[in-house]
Amino acid sequence: MLRGSLLLLAVLVARQLPAQDYPAKPVRVLVPYAPGGATDIVARILAPKLSERLKQQFVVDNRAGAAGNIAVELVATAQPDGYTLLVGNISTNSINPLLFAAKMKIDAMRDLTGVTLLASIPNVIVAGPKLPATTLQEAIAYIKERPGQFNFQAPLGSYSHLDMLALTAAAGLKMTHLPSRGAGETLPALMRGEVMITNANVASMIGSIRSGQVKALAVTSAQRLAELPEVPTLTEAGFPGIGSLNWNGIFVPAKTPKPVIDKLFAAITAAMNEPDMRDYLTKRLIPVTLAASPADFDNFVRAESKRWAKIIKDNHVKLD
């Protein structure tokens, strides 16, 4: 009996040691895209805050490529010790595992676990100057009268692409999807009239909206945005349940010890709640949105994946 009790005590102590000692060396924070986007911005402001709190360097490592799947696979196959983190997002962790399942060496839903949600960026439906409409209803009426004549643009398989498929299906529109590599390509196409309408995160479009280059028709947030108070939500425009928030969050390998995950969760949430963090991100239209717990975040990601699976199935989306 005594031997069994000592063995149990040793196991419990061993499970606590990773959290007590963690981190004992620098931590890599992998970003699945090139520098400059919202996911990278959040990672680069968070990393030094974690370095201060946990007394070790948190180093941002941009590993772009394969729609973000390179970084996802690197983290999923890393040692589950808390020294390799992923700043994943709506695409890398809820859409890509569905669209790229046959091509990926790992199962992101199985091989990664969440620490916390970080931010949720609203998206906006915008129209180019060549579309003679100032509201979503006017845009739908104009496009519906001309079936098959107009295009929308978004990266293939992205949340923008899938949300537009859901919206055009609900509105009864016949449009052609033109794949792009992001807002940098779509904005000029909107200005030239090659693309009439698109869906993009508001942080990347707010400057063009304010300058009058493009027209904001609806936002995907639950409430109207303070920055665009005259623009209705998609629900107000008659399309409840359509549209997403471009969220991002921290993930670690699935077998990372719970005490390490809990320590990371506490440090990250405390850092993200600092007034200067919230102010910096809010000014860039990247609202801080934290999970209640790591389990809460995992449940959120699973629910997101289920929602996207239906949209992908309903619209027969496949990647070659």
Protein backbone atom coordinates (compact mmCIF):
# COMPACT_ATOMS: atom_id res chain seq x y z
CA MET A 1 0.00 0.00 0.00
CA LEU A 2 2.80 2.38 0.96
CA ARG A 3 4.71 1.61 -2.23
CA GLY A 4 1.59 2.29 -4.33
CA SER A 5 0.98 5.59 -2.55
CA LEU A 6 4.57 6.70 -3.10
CA LEU A 7 4.34 5.80 -6.79
CA LEU A 8 1.13 7.82 -7.16
CA LEU A 9 2.75 10.76 -5.38
CA ALA A 10 5.76 10.56 -7.70
CA VAL A 11 3.50 10.64 -10.76
CA LEU A 12 1.58 13.64 -9.44
CA VAL A 13 4.80 15.50 -8.66
CA ALA A 14 6.21 14.70 -12.12
CA ARG A 15 3.09 16.13 -13.73
CA GLN A 16 3.53 19.38 -11.83
CA LEU A 17 7.23 19.82 -12.61
CA PRO A 18 6.77 20.98 -16.22
CA ALA A 19 4.62 23.90 -15.06
CA GLN A 20 6.93 24.76 -12.16
CA ASP A 21 10.03 24.87 -14.36
CA TYR A 22 8.35 26.14 -17.53
CA PRO A 23 9.68 27.90 -19.47
CA ALA A 24 13.34 27.03 -18.89
CA LYS A 25 14.46 28.01 -22.41
CA PRO A 26 13.25 30.23 -25.29
CA VAL A 27 9.84 29.49 -26.79
CA ARG A 28 9.11 29.57 -30.53
CA VAL A 29 5.88 31.23 -31.61
CA LEU A 30 5.10 30.12 -35.17
CA VAL A 31 3.03 32.38 -37.41
CA PRO A 32 1.69 30.63 -40.53
CA TYR A 33 1.99 33.71 -42.76
CA ALA A 34 4.48 36.34 -43.84
CA PRO A 35 4.89 39.42 -41.60
CA GLY A 36 2.29 42.18 -41.72
CA GLY A 37 -1.11 40.55 -41.42
CA ALA A 38 -3.42 40.55 -38.42
CA THR A 39 -2.20 37.18 -37.12
CA ASP A 40 1.41 38.38 -37.29
CA ILE A 41 0.53 41.70 -35.61
CA VAL A 42 -1.07 39.92 -32.66
CA ALA A 43 1.88 37.51 -32.33
CA ARG A 44 4.48 40.29 -32.40
CA ILE A 45 2.82 42.41 -29.73
CA LEU A 46 2.08 39.39 -27.53
CA ALA A 47 5.53 37.76 -27.63
CA PRO A 48 7.44 40.47 -25.70
CA LYS A 49 4.66 40.60 -23.11
CA LEU A 50 5.05 36.87 -22.50
CA SER A 51 8.83 37.27 -22.33
CA GLU A 52 8.36 39.79 -19.53
CA ARG A 53 5.84 37.69 -17.62
CA LEU A 54 7.49 34.29 -17.94
CA LYS A 55 11.15 35.43 -17.88
CA GLN A 56 12.14 33.68 -21.11
CA GLN A 57 12.28 34.81 -24.71
CA PHE A 58 9.21 34.15 -26.85
CA VAL A 59 10.50 34.37 -30.42
CA VAL A 60 8.17 34.91 -33.38
CA ASP A 61 8.97 32.63 -36.31
CA ASN A 62 7.12 33.29 -39.58
CA ARG A 63 6.66 30.04 -41.51
CA ALA A 64 4.51 30.98 -44.49
CA GLY A 65 3.45 28.59 -47.22
CA ALA A 66 0.84 26.00 -48.25
CA ALA A 67 -2.05 28.18 -47.02
CA GLY A 68 -0.57 28.11 -43.52
CA ASN A 69 -0.29 24.33 -43.38
CA ILE A 70 3.52 24.31 -43.11
CA ALA A 71 3.45 26.00 -39.71
CA VAL A 72 0.51 23.88 -38.56
CA GLU A 73 2.37 20.65 -39.36
CA LEU A 74 5.56 21.89 -37.68
CA VAL A 75 3.74 22.58 -34.43
CA ALA A 76 1.60 19.44 -34.58
CA THR A 77 4.74 17.26 -34.86
CA ALA A 78 6.85 19.22 -32.35
CA GLN A 79 7.70 17.96 -28.87
CA PRO A 80 4.61 18.48 -26.67
CA ASP A 81 6.47 20.48 -24.06
CA GLY A 82 5.18 24.04 -24.49
CA TYR A 83 8.24 25.31 -26.35
CA THR A 84 6.58 25.44 -29.78
CA LEU A 85 3.38 27.50 -30.10
CA LEU A 86 1.18 28.23 -33.11
CA VAL A 87 -0.75 31.45 -33.64
CA GLY A 88 -3.44 29.79 -35.71
CA ASN A 89 -6.67 31.23 -37.02
CA ILE A 90 -10.03 30.63 -38.63
CA SER A 91 -8.43 29.25 -41.81
CA THR A 92 -5.52 27.21 -40.47
CA ASN A 93 -7.43 25.50 -37.68
CA SER A 94 -11.08 25.26 -38.71
CA ILE A 95 -11.19 25.36 -42.54
CA ASN A 96 -7.89 23.94 -43.79
CA PRO A 97 -8.22 20.66 -41.84
CA LEU A 98 -11.39 20.04 -43.88
CA LEU A 99 -10.20 21.18 -47.30
CA PHE A 100 -6.64 19.81 -47.14
CA ALA A 101 -7.28 16.61 -45.16
CA ALA A 102 -6.07 14.35 -47.97
CA LYS A 103 -2.84 16.33 -48.42
CA MET A 104 -1.82 16.94 -44.81
CA LYS A 105 0.47 14.63 -42.86
CA ILE A 106 -1.35 15.42 -39.63
CA ASP A 107 -4.87 15.92 -38.37
CA ALA A 108 -4.94 19.41 -36.87
CA MET A 109 -8.11 18.71 -34.89
CA ARG A 110 -6.47 15.67 -33.31
CA ASP A 111 -2.82 16.70 -33.12
CA LEU A 112 -3.22 20.25 -31.78
CA THR A 113 -5.00 21.57 -28.73
CA GLY A 114 -6.06 25.13 -27.99
CA VAL A 115 -4.76 27.44 -25.30
CA THR A 116 -6.92 30.50 -25.86
CA LEU A 117 -8.67 32.68 -28.39
CA LEU A 118 -6.84 35.98 -28.88
CA ALA A 119 -8.83 38.25 -31.19
CA SER A 120 -11.85 38.20 -33.51
CA ILE A 121 -11.80 40.64 -36.44
CA PRO A 122 -15.14 41.49 -38.08
CA ASN A 123 -15.43 41.16 -41.84
CA VAL A 124 -17.18 43.53 -44.22
CA ILE A 125 -19.00 43.05 -47.51
CA VAL A 126 -17.71 45.73 -49.87
CA ALA A 127 -18.65 46.79 -53.39
CA GLY A 128 -16.49 48.50 -55.98
CA PRO A 129 -17.33 51.92 -57.47
CA LYS A 130 -18.62 50.32 -60.69
CA LEU A 131 -21.53 48.67 -58.86
CA PRO A 132 -24.41 51.18 -58.78
CA ALA A 133 -25.58 50.32 -55.28
CA THR A 134 -25.14 51.78 -51.80
CA THR A 135 -26.86 49.03 -49.80
CA LEU A 136 -26.61 45.26 -49.82
CA GLN A 137 -30.22 44.96 -50.91
CA GLU A 138 -29.58 47.25 -53.90
CA ALA A 139 -26.44 45.29 -54.81
CA ILE A 140 -28.31 41.98 -54.67
CA ALA A 141 -31.15 43.31 -56.83
CA TYR A 142 -28.72 44.67 -59.45
CA ILE A 143 -26.65 41.48 -59.63
CA LYS A 144 -29.72 39.21 -59.62
CA GLU A 145 -31.05 40.96 -62.72
CA ARG A 146 -27.78 40.09 -64.51
CA PRO A 147 -27.10 36.43 -63.67
CA GLY A 148 -23.60 35.17 -64.42
CA GLN A 149 -22.28 38.58 -65.50
CA PHE A 150 -20.35 39.52 -62.36
CA ASN A 151 -17.48 38.18 -60.27
CA PHE A 152 -16.54 38.13 -56.63
CA GLN A 153 -12.98 37.59 -55.50
CA ALA A 154 -11.41 35.87 -52.49
CA PRO A 155 -8.53 33.45 -51.79
CA LEU A 156 -9.57 29.93 -52.76
CA GLY A 157 -10.91 28.00 -49.78
CA SER A 158 -10.66 30.98 -47.43
CA TYR A 159 -13.34 32.15 -45.00
CA SER A 160 -13.98 35.02 -47.44
CA HIS A 161 -14.60 32.57 -50.27
CA LEU A 162 -16.87 30.31 -48.21
CA ASP A 163 -18.82 33.18 -46.67
CA MET A 164 -19.44 34.65 -50.13
CA LEU A 165 -20.66 31.28 -51.38
CA ALA A 166 -23.10 31.10 -48.47
CA LEU A 167 -24.27 34.68 -49.07
CA THR A 168 -24.73 34.33 -52.84
CA ALA A 169 -26.61 31.05 -52.33
CA ALA A 170 -28.91 32.61 -49.72
CA ALA A 171 -29.51 35.66 -51.94
CA GLY A 172 -30.08 33.57 -55.08
CA LEU A 173 -27.18 35.13 -56.98
CA LYS A 174 -25.23 33.57 -59.85
CA MET A 175 -21.67 34.90 -59.69
CA THR A 176 -18.24 33.60 -60.67
CA HIS A 177 -15.53 33.22 -58.05
CA LEU A 178 -12.10 34.58 -59.01
CA PRO A 179 -9.36 33.26 -56.71
CA SER A 180 -6.92 35.83 -55.30
CA ARG A 181 -3.99 36.00 -52.93
CA GLY A 182 -5.64 38.57 -50.67
CA ALA A 183 -6.85 42.16 -50.36
CA GLY A 184 -3.77 43.45 -52.17
CA GLU A 185 -5.12 41.91 -55.41
CA THR A 186 -8.81 42.38 -54.74
CA LEU A 187 -8.83 46.14 -54.15
CA PRO A 188 -7.41 47.03 -57.62
CA ALA A 189 -9.81 44.52 -59.20
CA LEU A 190 -12.74 46.22 -57.45
CA MET A 191 -11.56 49.63 -58.64
CA ARG A 192 -11.29 48.41 -62.26
CA GLY A 193 -14.70 46.75 -62.16
CA GLU A 194 -13.32 43.26 -62.74
CA VAL A 195 -14.82 42.35 -59.38
CA MET A 196 -18.09 43.85 -58.16
CA ILE A 197 -18.23 42.64 -54.59
CA THR A 198 -16.13 40.84 -51.99
CA ASN A 199 -15.82 39.96 -48.33
CA ALA A 200 -12.69 40.91 -46.37
CA ASN A 201 -11.65 41.69 -42.82
CA VAL A 202 -12.50 45.25 -41.88
CA ALA A 203 -8.95 45.98 -40.69
CA SER A 204 -7.62 45.58 -44.25
CA MET A 205 -10.48 47.53 -45.86
CA ILE A 206 -11.19 50.40 -43.46
CA GLY A 207 -8.80 52.83 -45.19
CA SER A 208 -10.35 52.22 -48.60
CA ILE A 209 -13.85 52.54 -47.15
CA ARG A 210 -13.05 55.83 -45.43
CA SER A 211 -11.46 57.23 -48.60
CA GLY A 212 -14.51 56.31 -50.67
CA GLN A 213 -12.67 53.86 -52.93
CA VAL A 214 -15.08 51.08 -52.00
CA LYS A 215 -18.55 50.98 -50.42
CA ALA A 216 -19.24 49.04 -47.22
CA LEU A 217 -22.56 47.19 -47.51
CA ALA A 218 -22.69 45.05 -44.34
CA VAL A 219 -20.50 43.82 -41.49
CA THR A 220 -20.35 40.31 -40.03
CA SER A 221 -20.21 41.38 -36.38
CA ALA A 222 -23.17 40.89 -34.03
CA GLN A 223 -23.50 44.66 -33.60
CA ARG A 224 -22.66 47.60 -35.83
CA LEU A 225 -19.07 48.78 -35.61
CA ALA A 226 -18.26 52.09 -33.94
CA GLU A 227 -15.94 52.82 -36.87
CA LEU A 228 -18.77 52.24 -39.40
CA PRO A 229 -21.95 53.12 -37.49
CA GLU A 230 -24.04 53.61 -40.63
CA VAL A 231 -23.23 50.13 -42.01
CA PRO A 232 -25.75 47.43 -40.99
CA THR A 233 -24.89 43.94 -39.83
CA LEU A 234 -25.64 41.02 -42.13
CA THR A 235 -28.43 40.06 -39.74
CA GLU A 236 -29.96 43.53 -40.07
CA ALA A 237 -29.61 43.23 -43.85
CA GLY A 238 -31.67 40.05 -43.82
CA PHE A 239 -29.01 37.32 -43.68
CA PRO A 240 -28.77 35.99 -40.11
CA GLY A 241 -26.30 33.19 -39.54
CA ILE A 242 -24.12 34.13 -42.52
CA GLY A 243 -20.68 35.68 -42.15
CA SER A 244 -17.78 35.00 -39.84
CA LEU A 245 -15.22 36.71 -37.65
CA ASN A 246 -11.57 36.34 -38.60
CA TRP A 247 -10.38 34.92 -35.27
CA ASN A 248 -6.94 33.82 -34.16
CA GLY A 249 -5.62 31.97 -31.14
CA ILE A 250 -2.78 30.00 -29.57
CA PHE A 251 -2.37 26.26 -30.15
CA VAL A 252 0.14 23.69 -28.86
CA PRO A 253 0.81 20.00 -29.64
CA ALA A 254 -2.03 17.83 -28.34
CA LYS A 255 -0.06 15.98 -25.65
CA THR A 256 1.33 19.11 -24.01
CA PRO A 257 0.93 18.71 -20.21
CA LYS A 258 -2.15 20.43 -18.82
CA PRO A 259 -0.17 22.37 -16.18
CA VAL A 260 1.91 23.94 -18.98
CA ILE A 261 -1.21 24.80 -20.98
CA ASP A 262 -2.80 26.33 -17.88
CA LYS A 263 0.31 28.40 -17.20
CA LEU A 264 0.36 29.66 -20.77
CA PHE A 265 -3.36 30.43 -20.61
CA ALA A 266 -2.93 32.51 -17.45
CA ALA A 267 0.06 34.44 -18.86
CA ILE A 268 -1.51 35.07 -22.28
CA THR A 269 -4.87 36.22 -20.95
CA ALA A 270 -3.18 38.53 -18.44
CA ALA A 271 -0.99 40.00 -21.20
CA MET A 272 -3.88 40.46 -23.64
CA ASN A 273 -5.89 42.23 -20.92
CA GLU A 274 -3.23 44.87 -20.34
CA PRO A 275 -4.67 48.30 -21.29
CA ASP A 276 -1.89 49.13 -23.74
CA MET A 277 -2.42 45.79 -25.56
CA ARG A 278 -6.14 46.32 -25.89
CA ASP A 279 -5.66 49.93 -26.98
CA TYR A 280 -3.02 49.05 -29.61
CA LEU A 281 -5.13 46.28 -31.14
CA THR A 282 -8.44 48.15 -30.92
CA LYS A 283 -6.98 51.05 -32.88
CA ARG A 284 -6.09 48.57 -35.60
CA LEU A 285 -9.63 47.09 -35.58
CA ILE A 286 -8.38 43.84 -34.03
CA PRO A 287 -10.66 43.40 -30.99
CA VAL A 288 -9.24 41.31 -28.15
CA THR A 289 -11.51 38.28 -27.62
CA LEU A 290 -10.38 35.73 -25.04
CA ALA A 291 -11.64 32.24 -24.25
CA ALA A 292 -12.89 31.40 -20.76
CA SER A 293 -10.52 28.42 -20.61
CA PRO A 294 -8.46 26.16 -22.89
CA ALA A 295 -11.39 23.70 -22.99
CA ASP A 296 -13.72 26.54 -23.96
CA PHE A 297 -11.43 27.41 -26.87
CA ASP A 298 -11.25 23.78 -28.04
CA ASN A 299 -15.05 23.62 -28.01
CA PHE A 300 -15.19 26.83 -30.03
CA VAL A 301 -12.81 25.47 -32.68
CA ARG A 302 -14.80 22.23 -32.96
CA ALA A 303 -18.03 24.19 -33.40
CA GLU A 304 -16.38 26.37 -36.06
CA SER A 305 -15.16 23.28 -37.91
CA LYS A 306 -18.65 21.78 -37.86
CA ARG A 307 -20.14 25.00 -39.25
CA TRP A 308 -17.57 25.21 -42.06
CA ALA A 309 -18.03 21.53 -42.91
CA LYS A 310 -21.70 22.20 -43.69
CA ILE A 311 -20.88 25.24 -45.84
CA ILE A 312 -18.21 23.29 -47.74
CA LYS A 313 -20.58 20.36 -48.31
CA ASP A 314 -23.56 22.52 -49.28
CA ASN A 315 -21.48 24.42 -51.86
CA HIS A 316 -19.51 21.41 -53.15
CA VAL A 317 -16.16 23.09 -52.47
CA LYS A 318 -13.12 21.01 -53.40
CA LEU A 319 -9.47 21.92 -53.85
CA ASP A 320 -7.46 20.26 -56.62
